[in-house]
Amino acid sequence: MPPTPSTQRSVKSAERALDLLETIGKSPSGLTFTMLSEKLNIPKSSLHALLDVLRSRDYIELDPNSRLYTLGVRVWETGFAYHRHHNAAQLAVEAMTAIVDKVNETTQYAKLVGSENVYLAKVESTHPLRLQSEVGVRLPAHATGIGKALLAQLDDEEVRSRLPNEQLQRFTDNTIVTVTSLLEELHAIRQRGFAIDNEEYSQGIFCVAVPVPEPTGRPATALSVSVPVSRATREGLVTILGELASGSLSLAGRLGGKYSDPQLESLRDSAWADGCISQITKSGSYKLSFLD
């Protein structure tokens, strides 16, 4: 049955309400009515009505002095309900805490959504100088280690469907900027079992990432450790790689899987991990001057 005009209007209103929540959510300091109108191009009468509904349901709040709209408590409650129903994030925190206890570098847990990786959990290092990131943030997967570890779980055809344009956004001098080059890197990641972010999204930050295996299908999540290049050493990266592999296998077990990934098992061995880091440094494909 074709949609009726009433149904189409309801769908459009729902899309606009979601656009509003997502736009406000991306602006921690809040947005005024005028800012929202300019960003979303929604007729003012419709925008007023949507904002009133969302305020009445506590999904957004309006500061009476600044006239800034921010997310409301109901969004937090809904997000918390997601975590209650999907306890993987809490289990990941336990696994990541064990990693941080060993290497004292910031560790993150993420999933792939479209062409972006979304951070679901994070455990900080105790160093004053560390990666600045937040749970819930989305980043372009082609420019992060954890994103590439997740993209590597897809076949080339699906990667191209998620990244239909050959040219990719550049963030630093080291960012991979074509899908063709990205596919070559994903092939290498599949071969060695882990991904790196060689200052590709943030200058001065090096990341190592591994997928979290699942017995029923391809991995949907991954773990990463981020290290300022000023603190990175070959020995340290070998240790990080081994602890990441152990943490990933531990998390997979906590999630109910009884599955052993051969690549991750190999990376737990320090001699094997050292050989993998050596292979990367000698390949000529990466500029790793901080390891010279």
C-alpha atoms as a PDB file:
ATOM      1  CA  MET A   1       0.000   0.000   0.000  1.00  0.00           C
ATOM      2  CA  PRO A   2       1.483   3.391  -0.973  1.00  0.00           C
ATOM      3  CA  PRO A   3       2.050   5.864   1.884  1.00  0.00           C
ATOM      4  CA  THR A   4      -0.713   8.391   2.477  1.00  0.00           C
ATOM      5  CA  PRO A   5      -0.025  12.156   2.694  1.00  0.00           C
ATOM      6  CA  SER A   6      -0.597  11.891   6.466  1.00  0.00           C
ATOM      7  CA  THR A   7       1.972   9.105   6.777  1.00  0.00           C
ATOM      8  CA  GLN A   8       4.497  11.043   4.715  1.00  0.00           C
ATOM      9  CA  ARG A   9       4.057  14.109   6.947  1.00  0.00           C
ATOM     10  CA  SER A  10       4.571  11.968  10.061  1.00  0.00           C
ATOM     11  CA  VAL A  11       7.755  10.461   8.653  1.00  0.00           C
ATOM     12  CA  LYS A  12       9.096  13.892   7.729  1.00  0.00           C
ATOM     13  CA  SER A  13       8.354  15.192  11.224  1.00  0.00           C
ATOM     14  CA  ALA A  14      10.123  12.191  12.759  1.00  0.00           C
ATOM     15  CA  GLU A  15      13.183  12.785  10.567  1.00  0.00           C
ATOM     16  CA  ARG A  16      13.242  16.454  11.541  1.00  0.00           C
ATOM     17  CA  ALA A  17      12.976  15.615  15.236  1.00  0.00           C
ATOM     18  CA  LEU A  18      15.918  13.227  14.942  1.00  0.00           C
ATOM     19  CA  ASP A  19      17.897  15.823  12.970  1.00  0.00           C
ATOM     20  CA  LEU A  20      17.233  18.296  15.788  1.00  0.00           C
ATOM     21  CA  LEU A  21      18.468  15.928  18.489  1.00  0.00           C
ATOM     22  CA  GLU A  22      21.594  14.995  16.533  1.00  0.00           C
ATOM     23  CA  THR A  23      22.410  18.632  15.735  1.00  0.00           C
ATOM     24  CA  ILE A  24      21.972  19.772  19.345  1.00  0.00           C
ATOM     25  CA  GLY A  25      23.982  16.770  20.515  1.00  0.00           C
ATOM     26  CA  LYS A  26      26.957  17.849  18.409  1.00  0.00           C
ATOM     27  CA  SER A  27      27.047  21.273  20.142  1.00  0.00           C
ATOM     28  CA  PRO A  28      27.864  20.783  23.856  1.00  0.00           C
ATOM     29  CA  SER A  29      27.374  24.498  24.613  1.00  0.00           C
ATOM     30  CA  GLY A  30      23.934  24.513  23.008  1.00  0.00           C
ATOM     31  CA  LEU A  31      22.268  26.222  20.066  1.00  0.00           C
ATOM     32  CA  THR A  32      19.747  29.051  19.808  1.00  0.00           C
ATOM     33  CA  PHE A  33      16.548  28.883  17.791  1.00  0.00           C
ATOM     34  CA  THR A  34      18.154  30.999  15.065  1.00  0.00           C
ATOM     35  CA  MET A  35      21.198  28.723  14.902  1.00  0.00           C
ATOM     36  CA  LEU A  36      18.999  25.651  14.579  1.00  0.00           C
ATOM     37  CA  SER A  37      16.876  27.285  11.905  1.00  0.00           C
ATOM     38  CA  GLU A  38      19.985  28.142   9.869  1.00  0.00           C
ATOM     39  CA  LYS A  39      21.583  24.734  10.278  1.00  0.00           C
ATOM     40  CA  LEU A  40      18.505  22.636   9.508  1.00  0.00           C
ATOM     41  CA  ASN A  41      16.506  24.867   7.161  1.00  0.00           C
ATOM     42  CA  ILE A  42      13.230  23.866   8.847  1.00  0.00           C
ATOM     43  CA  PRO A  43      10.311  26.311   8.543  1.00  0.00           C
ATOM     44  CA  LYS A  44      10.132  28.389  11.738  1.00  0.00           C
ATOM     45  CA  SER A  45       6.574  27.338  12.560  1.00  0.00           C
ATOM     46  CA  SER A  46       7.510  23.653  12.262  1.00  0.00           C
ATOM     47  CA  LEU A  47      10.723  24.186  14.219  1.00  0.00           C
ATOM     48  CA  HIS A  48       8.837  25.847  17.084  1.00  0.00           C
ATOM     49  CA  ALA A  49       6.372  22.957  17.212  1.00  0.00           C
ATOM     50  CA  LEU A  50       9.101  20.297  17.204  1.00  0.00           C
ATOM     51  CA  LEU A  51      11.103  22.066  19.906  1.00  0.00           C
ATOM     52  CA  ASP A  52       8.001  22.390  22.081  1.00  0.00           C
ATOM     53  CA  VAL A  53       7.278  18.659  21.793  1.00  0.00           C
ATOM     54  CA  LEU A  54      10.865  17.670  22.563  1.00  0.00           C
ATOM     55  CA  ARG A  55      10.958  20.046  25.547  1.00  0.00           C
ATOM     56  CA  SER A  56       7.678  18.709  26.908  1.00  0.00           C
ATOM     57  CA  ARG A  57       9.126  15.168  26.789  1.00  0.00           C
ATOM     58  CA  ASP A  58      12.444  16.290  28.390  1.00  0.00           C
ATOM     59  CA  TYR A  59      14.529  15.338  25.348  1.00  0.00           C
ATOM     60  CA  ILE A  60      15.858  18.891  25.168  1.00  0.00           C
ATOM     61  CA  GLU A  61      16.175  21.785  27.618  1.00  0.00           C
ATOM     62  CA  LEU A  62      16.038  25.555  27.077  1.00  0.00           C
ATOM     63  CA  ASP A  63      18.106  27.908  29.210  1.00  0.00           C
ATOM     64  CA  PRO A  64      15.827  30.892  29.955  1.00  0.00           C
ATOM     65  CA  ASN A  65      18.737  33.343  30.092  1.00  0.00           C
ATOM     66  CA  SER A  66      20.971  32.321  27.192  1.00  0.00           C
ATOM     67  CA  ARG A  67      18.071  30.897  25.129  1.00  0.00           C
ATOM     68  CA  LEU A  68      20.308  27.963  24.259  1.00  0.00           C
ATOM     69  CA  TYR A  69      18.836  24.531  23.595  1.00  0.00           C
ATOM     70  CA  THR A  70      20.784  21.551  24.970  1.00  0.00           C
ATOM     71  CA  LEU A  71      20.028  17.844  25.275  1.00  0.00           C
ATOM     72  CA  GLY A  72      17.684  16.877  28.099  1.00  0.00           C
ATOM     73  CA  VAL A  73      17.714  14.178  30.737  1.00  0.00           C
ATOM     74  CA  ARG A  74      15.506  11.840  28.696  1.00  0.00           C
ATOM     75  CA  VAL A  75      18.307  11.456  26.127  1.00  0.00           C
ATOM     76  CA  TRP A  76      20.639  10.388  28.924  1.00  0.00           C
ATOM     77  CA  GLU A  77      18.032   7.956  30.247  1.00  0.00           C
ATOM     78  CA  THR A  78      17.533   6.460  26.802  1.00  0.00           C
ATOM     79  CA  GLY A  79      21.274   6.142  26.269  1.00  0.00           C
ATOM     80  CA  PHE A  80      21.684   4.526  29.667  1.00  0.00           C
ATOM     81  CA  ALA A  81      18.940   2.062  28.775  1.00  0.00           C
ATOM     82  CA  TYR A  82      20.944   1.132  25.680  1.00  0.00           C
ATOM     83  CA  HIS A  83      23.899   0.263  27.900  1.00  0.00           C
ATOM     84  CA  ARG A  84      21.692  -1.775  30.212  1.00  0.00           C
ATOM     85  CA  HIS A  85      20.462  -3.814  27.275  1.00  0.00           C
ATOM     86  CA  HIS A  86      23.896  -3.988  25.650  1.00  0.00           C
ATOM     87  CA  ASN A  87      26.345  -4.696  28.467  1.00  0.00           C
ATOM     88  CA  ALA A  88      29.228  -5.136  26.042  1.00  0.00           C
ATOM     89  CA  ALA A  89      30.459  -1.620  26.815  1.00  0.00           C
ATOM     90  CA  GLN A  90      30.766  -2.384  30.537  1.00  0.00           C
ATOM     91  CA  LEU A  91      32.497  -5.667  29.823  1.00  0.00           C
ATOM     92  CA  ALA A  92      34.809  -3.797  27.459  1.00  0.00           C
ATOM     93  CA  VAL A  93      35.680  -1.326  30.225  1.00  0.00           C
ATOM     94  CA  GLU A  94      36.759  -4.232  32.428  1.00  0.00           C
ATOM     95  CA  ALA A  95      38.948  -5.649  29.656  1.00  0.00           C
ATOM     96  CA  MET A  96      40.360  -2.200  28.816  1.00  0.00           C
ATOM     97  CA  THR A  97      41.137  -1.459  32.446  1.00  0.00           C
ATOM     98  CA  ALA A  98      43.321  -4.576  32.507  1.00  0.00           C
ATOM     99  CA  ILE A  99      45.139  -3.313  29.392  1.00  0.00           C
ATOM    100  CA  VAL A 100      45.654   0.187  30.827  1.00  0.00           C
ATOM    101  CA  ASP A 101      46.948  -1.313  34.076  1.00  0.00           C
ATOM    102  CA  LYS A 102      49.715  -2.956  32.010  1.00  0.00           C
ATOM    103  CA  VAL A 103      50.608  -0.235  29.463  1.00  0.00           C
ATOM    104  CA  ASN A 104      49.186   2.987  30.989  1.00  0.00           C
ATOM    105  CA  GLU A 105      47.953   4.351  27.665  1.00  0.00           C
ATOM    106  CA  THR A 106      44.417   5.356  26.699  1.00  0.00           C
ATOM    107  CA  THR A 107      42.358   2.425  25.410  1.00  0.00           C
ATOM    108  CA  GLN A 108      39.124   2.647  23.411  1.00  0.00           C
ATOM    109  CA  TYR A 109      36.298   0.387  22.255  1.00  0.00           C
ATOM    110  CA  ALA A 110      34.296   1.160  19.114  1.00  0.00           C
ATOM    111  CA  LYS A 111      31.900  -0.160  16.507  1.00  0.00           C
ATOM    112  CA  LEU A 112      31.491   0.682  12.824  1.00  0.00           C
ATOM    113  CA  VAL A 113      28.456   2.677  11.702  1.00  0.00           C
ATOM    114  CA  GLY A 114      28.460   3.343   7.991  1.00  0.00           C
ATOM    115  CA  SER A 115      31.871   4.792   7.182  1.00  0.00           C
ATOM    116  CA  GLU A 116      32.535   6.025  10.726  1.00  0.00           C
ATOM    117  CA  ASN A 117      33.678   4.432  13.944  1.00  0.00           C
ATOM    118  CA  VAL A 118      31.675   5.288  17.046  1.00  0.00           C
ATOM    119  CA  TYR A 119      33.429   5.144  20.411  1.00  0.00           C
ATOM    120  CA  LEU A 120      31.402   3.108  22.915  1.00  0.00           C
ATOM    121  CA  ALA A 121      33.790   3.120  25.881  1.00  0.00           C
ATOM    122  CA  LYS A 122      37.179   4.445  26.929  1.00  0.00           C
ATOM    123  CA  VAL A 123      39.661   4.010  29.776  1.00  0.00           C
ATOM    124  CA  GLU A 124      42.180   6.822  30.254  1.00  0.00           C
ATOM    125  CA  SER A 125      45.873   6.590  31.009  1.00  0.00           C
ATOM    126  CA  THR A 126      47.241   8.496  34.010  1.00  0.00           C
ATOM    127  CA  HIS A 127      49.657  10.551  31.909  1.00  0.00           C
ATOM    128  CA  PRO A 128      48.995  14.308  31.679  1.00  0.00           C
ATOM    129  CA  LEU A 129      49.698  14.075  27.932  1.00  0.00           C
ATOM    130  CA  ARG A 130      47.187  11.666  26.429  1.00  0.00           C
ATOM    131  CA  LEU A 131      44.616  11.299  23.666  1.00  0.00           C
ATOM    132  CA  GLN A 132      41.667  13.666  24.050  1.00  0.00           C
ATOM    133  CA  SER A 133      38.514  11.892  22.900  1.00  0.00           C
ATOM    134  CA  GLU A 134      34.991  11.219  24.107  1.00  0.00           C
ATOM    135  CA  VAL A 135      32.590   8.294  24.218  1.00  0.00           C
ATOM    136  CA  GLY A 136      29.868   8.748  21.611  1.00  0.00           C
ATOM    137  CA  VAL A 137      32.066  10.633  19.165  1.00  0.00           C
ATOM    138  CA  ARG A 138      32.131   9.494  15.534  1.00  0.00           C
ATOM    139  CA  LEU A 139      35.293   9.701  13.448  1.00  0.00           C
ATOM    140  CA  PRO A 140      35.965   8.806   9.798  1.00  0.00           C
ATOM    141  CA  ALA A 141      37.014   5.160   9.868  1.00  0.00           C
ATOM    142  CA  HIS A 142      39.598   5.551   7.093  1.00  0.00           C
ATOM    143  CA  ALA A 143      41.660   7.875   9.293  1.00  0.00           C
ATOM    144  CA  THR A 144      41.768   5.915  12.563  1.00  0.00           C
ATOM    145  CA  GLY A 145      43.379   2.659  13.592  1.00  0.00           C
ATOM    146  CA  ILE A 146      40.220   1.307  15.199  1.00  0.00           C
ATOM    147  CA  GLY A 147      38.183   2.322  12.147  1.00  0.00           C
ATOM    148  CA  LYS A 148      40.525   0.533   9.762  1.00  0.00           C
ATOM    149  CA  ALA A 149      40.534  -2.562  11.985  1.00  0.00           C
ATOM    150  CA  LEU A 150      36.741  -2.608  11.542  1.00  0.00           C
ATOM    151  CA  LEU A 151      36.750  -1.785   7.816  1.00  0.00           C
ATOM    152  CA  ALA A 152      39.166  -4.683   7.308  1.00  0.00           C
ATOM    153  CA  GLN A 153      36.387  -7.046   8.397  1.00  0.00           C
ATOM    154  CA  LEU A 154      34.388  -6.091   5.290  1.00  0.00           C
ATOM    155  CA  ASP A 155      35.056  -7.229   1.743  1.00  0.00           C
ATOM    156  CA  ASP A 156      36.305  -4.673  -0.772  1.00  0.00           C
ATOM    157  CA  GLU A 157      32.916  -4.312  -2.431  1.00  0.00           C
ATOM    158  CA  GLU A 158      31.239  -3.341   0.830  1.00  0.00           C
ATOM    159  CA  VAL A 159      34.034  -0.917   1.684  1.00  0.00           C
ATOM    160  CA  ARG A 160      33.495   0.829  -1.666  1.00  0.00           C
ATOM    161  CA  SER A 161      29.738   0.931  -1.084  1.00  0.00           C
ATOM    162  CA  ARG A 162      30.323   2.706   2.228  1.00  0.00           C
ATOM    163  CA  LEU A 163      32.925   5.023   0.694  1.00  0.00           C
ATOM    164  CA  PRO A 164      31.516   5.717  -2.787  1.00  0.00           C
ATOM    165  CA  ASN A 165      33.897   8.599  -3.568  1.00  0.00           C
ATOM    166  CA  GLU A 166      37.483   7.720  -4.484  1.00  0.00           C
ATOM    167  CA  GLN A 167      38.858  10.773  -2.702  1.00  0.00           C
ATOM    168  CA  LEU A 168      38.844  10.668   1.107  1.00  0.00           C
ATOM    169  CA  GLN A 169      39.107  13.547   3.550  1.00  0.00           C
ATOM    170  CA  ARG A 170      42.627  14.464   4.638  1.00  0.00           C
ATOM    171  CA  PHE A 171      43.351  15.299   8.274  1.00  0.00           C
ATOM    172  CA  THR A 172      47.167  15.139   8.400  1.00  0.00           C
ATOM    173  CA  ASP A 173      50.025  14.546   5.981  1.00  0.00           C
ATOM    174  CA  ASN A 174      49.758  10.815   6.741  1.00  0.00           C
ATOM    175  CA  THR A 175      46.019  10.358   6.110  1.00  0.00           C
ATOM    176  CA  ILE A 176      45.082   7.795   3.446  1.00  0.00           C
ATOM    177  CA  VAL A 177      43.217   9.896   0.898  1.00  0.00           C
ATOM    178  CA  THR A 178      42.005   7.426  -1.768  1.00  0.00           C
ATOM    179  CA  VAL A 179      39.815   4.359  -1.507  1.00  0.00           C
ATOM    180  CA  THR A 180      42.293   2.446  -3.694  1.00  0.00           C
ATOM    181  CA  SER A 181      45.101   3.101  -1.195  1.00  0.00           C
ATOM    182  CA  LEU A 182      42.772   2.300   1.686  1.00  0.00           C
ATOM    183  CA  LEU A 183      41.902  -1.102   0.187  1.00  0.00           C
ATOM    184  CA  GLU A 184      45.622  -1.892  -0.080  1.00  0.00           C
ATOM    185  CA  GLU A 185      46.044  -1.009   3.596  1.00  0.00           C
ATOM    186  CA  LEU A 186      43.026  -3.095   4.591  1.00  0.00           C
ATOM    187  CA  HIS A 187      44.547  -6.075   2.772  1.00  0.00           C
ATOM    188  CA  ALA A 188      47.733  -5.637   4.838  1.00  0.00           C
ATOM    189  CA  ILE A 189      45.661  -5.373   8.032  1.00  0.00           C
ATOM    190  CA  ARG A 190      43.889  -8.649   7.257  1.00  0.00           C
ATOM    191  CA  GLN A 191      47.249 -10.306   6.703  1.00  0.00           C
ATOM    192  CA  ARG A 192      48.851  -9.182   9.961  1.00  0.00           C
ATOM    193  CA  GLY A 193      45.737  -9.087  12.187  1.00  0.00           C
ATOM    194  CA  PHE A 194      45.967  -5.523  13.479  1.00  0.00           C
ATOM    195  CA  ALA A 195      45.709  -1.927  12.262  1.00  0.00           C
ATOM    196  CA  ILE A 196      47.684   1.204  12.997  1.00  0.00           C
ATOM    197  CA  ASP A 197      46.940   4.915  12.900  1.00  0.00           C
ATOM    198  CA  ASN A 198      50.260   6.552  12.123  1.00  0.00           C
ATOM    199  CA  GLU A 199      49.343  10.153  13.001  1.00  0.00           C
ATOM    200  CA  GLU A 200      46.606   9.928  10.359  1.00  0.00           C
ATOM    201  CA  TYR A 201      43.822  11.702  12.241  1.00  0.00           C
ATOM    202  CA  SER A 202      45.684  13.573  14.995  1.00  0.00           C
ATOM    203  CA  GLN A 203      49.243  14.821  14.591  1.00  0.00           C
ATOM    204  CA  GLY A 204      51.479  13.309  17.245  1.00  0.00           C
ATOM    205  CA  ILE A 205      49.238  10.324  18.074  1.00  0.00           C
ATOM    206  CA  PHE A 206      50.002   6.721  17.086  1.00  0.00           C
ATOM    207  CA  CYS A 207      47.382   3.998  17.568  1.00  0.00           C
ATOM    208  CA  VAL A 208      47.311   0.221  17.404  1.00  0.00           C
ATOM    209  CA  ALA A 209      43.956  -1.576  17.039  1.00  0.00           C
ATOM    210  CA  VAL A 210      42.628  -5.133  16.861  1.00  0.00           C
ATOM    211  CA  PRO A 211      39.145  -6.528  16.202  1.00  0.00           C
ATOM    212  CA  VAL A 212      37.159  -8.330  18.893  1.00  0.00           C
ATOM    213  CA  PRO A 213      36.409 -11.808  17.460  1.00  0.00           C
ATOM    214  CA  GLU A 214      32.897 -13.204  17.353  1.00  0.00           C
ATOM    215  CA  PRO A 215      32.156 -16.900  16.875  1.00  0.00           C
ATOM    216  CA  THR A 216      28.947 -16.325  14.908  1.00  0.00           C
ATOM    217  CA  GLY A 217      30.215 -13.910  12.292  1.00  0.00           C
ATOM    218  CA  ARG A 218      32.633 -11.153  11.412  1.00  0.00           C
ATOM    219  CA  PRO A 219      33.831  -8.875  14.235  1.00  0.00           C
ATOM    220  CA  ALA A 220      31.605  -5.846  14.809  1.00  0.00           C
ATOM    221  CA  THR A 221      33.747  -4.086  17.420  1.00  0.00           C
ATOM    222  CA  ALA A 222      37.424  -3.359  18.010  1.00  0.00           C
ATOM    223  CA  LEU A 223      39.866  -2.181  20.676  1.00  0.00           C
ATOM    224  CA  SER A 224      42.664   0.354  20.282  1.00  0.00           C
ATOM    225  CA  VAL A 225      45.480   1.862  22.312  1.00  0.00           C
ATOM    226  CA  SER A 226      46.654   5.404  21.545  1.00  0.00           C
ATOM    227  CA  VAL A 227      50.175   6.626  22.318  1.00  0.00           C
ATOM    228  CA  PRO A 228      51.722  10.091  21.869  1.00  0.00           C
ATOM    229  CA  VAL A 229      54.675   9.644  19.507  1.00  0.00           C
ATOM    230  CA  SER A 230      56.836  11.461  22.052  1.00  0.00           C
ATOM    231  CA  ARG A 231      56.335   8.455  24.327  1.00  0.00           C
ATOM    232  CA  ALA A 232      56.256   5.658  21.755  1.00  0.00           C
ATOM    233  CA  THR A 233      59.033   3.076  21.640  1.00  0.00           C
ATOM    234  CA  ARG A 234      59.431  -0.162  19.754  1.00  0.00           C
ATOM    235  CA  GLU A 235      59.430  -2.170  22.984  1.00  0.00           C
ATOM    236  CA  GLY A 236      56.364  -0.331  24.199  1.00  0.00           C
ATOM    237  CA  LEU A 237      54.422  -1.017  20.997  1.00  0.00           C
ATOM    238  CA  VAL A 238      55.298  -4.711  21.192  1.00  0.00           C
ATOM    239  CA  THR A 239      53.899  -4.830  24.732  1.00  0.00           C
ATOM    240  CA  ILE A 240      50.805  -2.876  23.698  1.00  0.00           C
ATOM    241  CA  LEU A 241      50.141  -5.198  20.773  1.00  0.00           C
ATOM    242  CA  GLY A 242      50.356  -8.266  23.008  1.00  0.00           C
ATOM    243  CA  GLU A 243      48.111  -6.766  25.693  1.00  0.00           C
ATOM    244  CA  LEU A 244      45.568  -5.646  23.079  1.00  0.00           C
ATOM    245  CA  ALA A 245      45.422  -9.144  21.631  1.00  0.00           C
ATOM    246  CA  SER A 246      44.981 -10.660  25.090  1.00  0.00           C
ATOM    247  CA  GLY A 247      42.350  -8.077  25.992  1.00  0.00           C
ATOM    248  CA  SER A 248      40.414  -8.710  22.792  1.00  0.00           C
ATOM    249  CA  LEU A 249      40.341 -12.453  23.366  1.00  0.00           C
ATOM    250  CA  SER A 250      39.373 -11.902  27.001  1.00  0.00           C
ATOM    251  CA  LEU A 251      36.510  -9.603  25.996  1.00  0.00           C
ATOM    252  CA  ALA A 252      35.307 -12.093  23.386  1.00  0.00           C
ATOM    253  CA  GLY A 253      35.171 -14.718  26.110  1.00  0.00           C
ATOM    254  CA  ARG A 254      33.276 -12.413  28.492  1.00  0.00           C
ATOM    255  CA  LEU A 255      30.738 -11.765  25.755  1.00  0.00           C
ATOM    256  CA  GLY A 256      29.998 -15.468  25.636  1.00  0.00           C
ATOM    257  CA  GLY A 257      32.184 -16.588  22.792  1.00  0.00           C
ATOM    258  CA  LYS A 258      34.324 -19.707  22.927  1.00  0.00           C
ATOM    259  CA  TYR A 259      36.409 -18.774  19.958  1.00  0.00           C
ATOM    260  CA  SER A 260      40.148 -18.546  19.485  1.00  0.00           C
ATOM    261  CA  ASP A 261      41.426 -16.225  16.766  1.00  0.00           C
ATOM    262  CA  PRO A 262      44.769 -17.545  15.434  1.00  0.00           C
ATOM    263  CA  GLN A 263      46.134 -14.091  14.584  1.00  0.00           C
ATOM    264  CA  LEU A 264      45.340 -12.671  18.011  1.00  0.00           C
ATOM    265  CA  GLU A 265      46.754 -15.754  19.689  1.00  0.00           C
ATOM    266  CA  SER A 266      50.006 -15.240  17.750  1.00  0.00           C
ATOM    267  CA  LEU A 267      50.169 -11.541  18.645  1.00  0.00           C
ATOM    268  CA  ARG A 268      50.123 -12.429  22.332  1.00  0.00           C
ATOM    269  CA  ASP A 269      53.612 -13.860  21.830  1.00  0.00           C
ATOM    270  CA  SER A 270      56.128 -11.024  22.291  1.00  0.00           C
ATOM    271  CA  ALA A 271      58.570 -12.429  19.724  1.00  0.00           C
ATOM    272  CA  TRP A 272      55.836 -12.628  17.096  1.00  0.00           C
ATOM    273  CA  ALA A 273      54.554  -9.140  17.962  1.00  0.00           C
ATOM    274  CA  ASP A 274      58.100  -7.794  17.747  1.00  0.00           C
ATOM    275  CA  GLY A 275      58.450  -9.331  14.299  1.00  0.00           C
ATOM    276  CA  CYS A 276      55.210  -7.663  13.188  1.00  0.00           C
ATOM    277  CA  ILE A 277      56.366  -4.235  14.378  1.00  0.00           C
ATOM    278  CA  SER A 278      59.719  -4.826  12.688  1.00  0.00           C
ATOM    279  CA  GLN A 279      57.959  -5.730   9.448  1.00  0.00           C
ATOM    280  CA  ILE A 280      56.005  -2.482   9.545  1.00  0.00           C
ATOM    281  CA  THR A 281      59.072  -0.338  10.189  1.00  0.00           C
ATOM    282  CA  LYS A 282      61.050  -2.019   7.397  1.00  0.00           C
ATOM    283  CA  SER A 283      58.237  -2.076   4.835  1.00  0.00           C
ATOM    284  CA  GLY A 284      58.799   1.501   3.698  1.00  0.00           C
ATOM    285  CA  SER A 285      55.032   2.004   3.603  1.00  0.00           C
ATOM    286  CA  TYR A 286      54.897   4.013   6.814  1.00  0.00           C
ATOM    287  CA  LYS A 287      56.809   7.028   8.068  1.00  0.00           C
ATOM    288  CA  LEU A 288      57.746   5.959  11.585  1.00  0.00           C
ATOM    289  CA  SER A 289      60.551   8.378  12.339  1.00  0.00           C
ATOM    290  CA  PHE A 290      59.851   8.218  16.067  1.00  0.00           C
ATOM    291  CA  LEU A 291      60.959   4.564  16.066  1.00  0.00           C
ATOM    292  CA  ASP A 292      64.269   5.205  14.311  1.00  0.00           C
END
